[in-house]
């Protein structure tokens, strides 16, 4: 998606990655008790600065007690939330760059 942002500086890319990772983590924890999560790994990678390409991977392993829980749906929704937070951050940067 092209939203017309300026070229990102390295500290902006770091902040973007941090926001995206935090959003995905918070989403998973909001849906599943941390006591039921055996492993939660989130990786965020960027490529380029204009345009910036963002890759988000969420890997969740839940307790055997959660075997009927739809983990794939949880992962998909966490990634979607992460991309929404990235888009919001980038739109905010775009607004600030016009001032």
C-alpha atoms as a PDB file:
ATOM      1  CA  UNK A   1       0.000   0.000   0.000  1.00  0.00           C
ATOM      2  CA  UNK A   2       1.387   3.416  -0.916  1.00  0.00           C
ATOM      3  CA  UNK A   3       0.554   6.210   1.541  1.00  0.00           C
ATOM      4  CA  UNK A   4       3.093   8.775   0.377  1.00  0.00           C
ATOM      5  CA  UNK A   5       5.441   8.997   3.343  1.00  0.00           C
ATOM      6  CA  UNK A   6       8.905  10.518   3.309  1.00  0.00           C
ATOM      7  CA  UNK A   7      12.006   8.314   3.355  1.00  0.00           C
ATOM      8  CA  UNK A   8      12.346   6.792   6.823  1.00  0.00           C
ATOM      9  CA  UNK A   9      15.338   7.413   9.066  1.00  0.00           C
ATOM     10  CA  UNK A  10      16.883   4.468  10.907  1.00  0.00           C
ATOM     11  CA  UNK A  11      15.394   5.548  14.266  1.00  0.00           C
ATOM     12  CA  UNK A  12      11.939   5.740  12.658  1.00  0.00           C
ATOM     13  CA  UNK A  13      12.357   2.234  11.278  1.00  0.00           C
ATOM     14  CA  UNK A  14      13.381   0.999  14.745  1.00  0.00           C
ATOM     15  CA  UNK A  15      10.342   2.693  16.296  1.00  0.00           C
ATOM     16  CA  UNK A  16       8.075   1.211  13.614  1.00  0.00           C
ATOM     17  CA  UNK A  17       9.390  -2.297  14.318  1.00  0.00           C
ATOM     18  CA  UNK A  18       8.994  -1.800  18.067  1.00  0.00           C
ATOM     19  CA  UNK A  19       5.391  -0.598  17.711  1.00  0.00           C
ATOM     20  CA  UNK A  20       4.486  -3.461  15.383  1.00  0.00           C
ATOM     21  CA  UNK A  21       6.050  -6.104  17.655  1.00  0.00           C
ATOM     22  CA  UNK A  22       4.385  -4.648  20.763  1.00  0.00           C
ATOM     23  CA  UNK A  23       0.975  -4.513  19.048  1.00  0.00           C
ATOM     24  CA  UNK A  24       1.139  -8.161  17.950  1.00  0.00           C
ATOM     25  CA  UNK A  25       2.289  -9.262  21.430  1.00  0.00           C
ATOM     26  CA  UNK A  26      -0.456  -7.284  23.183  1.00  0.00           C
ATOM     27  CA  UNK A  27      -3.065  -8.686  20.818  1.00  0.00           C
ATOM     28  CA  UNK A  28      -2.098 -12.302  21.540  1.00  0.00           C
ATOM     29  CA  UNK A  29      -2.002 -11.696  25.290  1.00  0.00           C
ATOM     30  CA  UNK A  30      -5.403  -9.964  25.136  1.00  0.00           C
ATOM     31  CA  UNK A  31      -6.916 -13.126  23.631  1.00  0.00           C
ATOM     32  CA  UNK A  32      -5.077 -15.835  25.578  1.00  0.00           C
ATOM     33  CA  UNK A  33      -3.953 -15.829  29.188  1.00  0.00           C
ATOM     34  CA  UNK A  34      -0.147 -15.588  29.415  1.00  0.00           C
ATOM     35  CA  UNK A  35      -0.312 -18.714  31.612  1.00  0.00           C
ATOM     36  CA  UNK A  36      -1.619 -20.649  28.590  1.00  0.00           C
ATOM     37  CA  UNK A  37       1.131 -19.457  26.234  1.00  0.00           C
ATOM     38  CA  UNK A  38       4.129 -21.762  26.094  1.00  0.00           C
ATOM     39  CA  UNK A  39       6.022 -19.743  23.491  1.00  0.00           C
ATOM     40  CA  UNK A  40       5.408 -16.465  21.719  1.00  0.00           C
ATOM     41  CA  UNK A  41       7.898 -15.352  19.106  1.00  0.00           C
ATOM     42  CA  UNK A  42       7.343 -12.268  17.015  1.00  0.00           C
ATOM     43  CA  UNK A  43       9.735 -11.091  14.349  1.00  0.00           C
ATOM     44  CA  UNK A  44       9.455  -7.861  12.425  1.00  0.00           C
ATOM     45  CA  UNK A  45      11.701  -7.188   9.452  1.00  0.00           C
ATOM     46  CA  UNK A  46      11.907  -4.182   7.203  1.00  0.00           C
ATOM     47  CA  UNK A  47      13.450  -3.781   3.798  1.00  0.00           C
ATOM     48  CA  UNK A  48      14.153  -0.433   2.182  1.00  0.00           C
ATOM     49  CA  UNK A  49      13.326   3.061   3.394  1.00  0.00           C
ATOM     50  CA  UNK A  50      11.095   4.359   0.603  1.00  0.00           C
ATOM     51  CA  UNK A  51       9.055   2.384   0.158  1.00  0.00           C
ATOM     52  CA  UNK A  52       9.554   0.390   3.314  1.00  0.00           C
ATOM     53  CA  UNK A  53       8.589  -3.282   3.076  1.00  0.00           C
ATOM     54  CA  UNK A  54       7.433  -4.806   6.340  1.00  0.00           C
ATOM     55  CA  UNK A  55       7.308  -8.503   7.205  1.00  0.00           C
ATOM     56  CA  UNK A  56       5.672  -9.684  10.434  1.00  0.00           C
ATOM     57  CA  UNK A  57       5.866 -13.275  11.661  1.00  0.00           C
ATOM     58  CA  UNK A  58       4.002 -14.430  14.754  1.00  0.00           C
ATOM     59  CA  UNK A  59       4.656 -17.908  16.146  1.00  0.00           C
ATOM     60  CA  UNK A  60       2.546 -19.046  19.091  1.00  0.00           C
ATOM     61  CA  UNK A  61       2.606 -22.312  21.000  1.00  0.00           C
ATOM     62  CA  UNK A  62      -0.183 -22.792  23.487  1.00  0.00           C
ATOM     63  CA  UNK A  63      -0.589 -25.102  26.432  1.00  0.00           C
ATOM     64  CA  UNK A  64      -2.045 -28.549  25.656  1.00  0.00           C
ATOM     65  CA  UNK A  65      -5.115 -27.350  27.594  1.00  0.00           C
ATOM     66  CA  UNK A  66      -5.784 -24.968  24.682  1.00  0.00           C
ATOM     67  CA  UNK A  67      -5.782 -27.672  21.983  1.00  0.00           C
ATOM     68  CA  UNK A  68      -9.221 -26.645  20.667  1.00  0.00           C
ATOM     69  CA  UNK A  69      -8.193 -22.988  20.352  1.00  0.00           C
ATOM     70  CA  UNK A  70      -7.770 -21.772  16.757  1.00  0.00           C
ATOM     71  CA  UNK A  71      -4.114 -20.722  16.852  1.00  0.00           C
ATOM     72  CA  UNK A  72      -3.940 -19.892  13.140  1.00  0.00           C
ATOM     73  CA  UNK A  73      -6.820 -17.435  13.479  1.00  0.00           C
ATOM     74  CA  UNK A  74      -5.086 -15.849  16.486  1.00  0.00           C
ATOM     75  CA  UNK A  75      -1.845 -15.493  14.506  1.00  0.00           C
ATOM     76  CA  UNK A  76      -3.631 -14.040  11.465  1.00  0.00           C
ATOM     77  CA  UNK A  77      -5.477 -11.499  13.600  1.00  0.00           C
ATOM     78  CA  UNK A  78      -2.304 -10.528  15.483  1.00  0.00           C
ATOM     79  CA  UNK A  79      -0.513  -9.907  12.177  1.00  0.00           C
ATOM     80  CA  UNK A  80      -3.469  -7.869  10.907  1.00  0.00           C
ATOM     81  CA  UNK A  81      -3.422  -5.723  14.066  1.00  0.00           C
ATOM     82  CA  UNK A  82       0.335  -5.289  13.705  1.00  0.00           C
ATOM     83  CA  UNK A  83      -0.020  -4.023  10.129  1.00  0.00           C
ATOM     84  CA  UNK A  84      -2.804  -1.660  11.206  1.00  0.00           C
ATOM     85  CA  UNK A  85      -0.508  -0.172  13.854  1.00  0.00           C
ATOM     86  CA  UNK A  86       2.265   0.180  11.247  1.00  0.00           C
ATOM     87  CA  UNK A  87      -0.082   1.952   8.867  1.00  0.00           C
ATOM     88  CA  UNK A  88      -1.233   4.312  11.642  1.00  0.00           C
ATOM     89  CA  UNK A  89       2.375   5.107  12.593  1.00  0.00           C
ATOM     90  CA  UNK A  90       3.322   5.798   8.973  1.00  0.00           C
ATOM     91  CA  UNK A  91       0.273   8.003   8.434  1.00  0.00           C
ATOM     92  CA  UNK A  92       1.237   9.956  11.547  1.00  0.00           C
ATOM     93  CA  UNK A  93       4.755  10.442  10.137  1.00  0.00           C
ATOM     94  CA  UNK A  94       3.276  11.638   6.871  1.00  0.00           C
ATOM     95  CA  UNK A  95       1.195  14.255   8.698  1.00  0.00           C
ATOM     96  CA  UNK A  96       4.207  15.486  10.700  1.00  0.00           C
ATOM     97  CA  UNK A  97       6.399  15.704   7.604  1.00  0.00           C
ATOM     98  CA  UNK A  98       3.956  18.120   5.952  1.00  0.00           C
ATOM     99  CA  UNK A  99       4.186  20.635   8.815  1.00  0.00           C
END
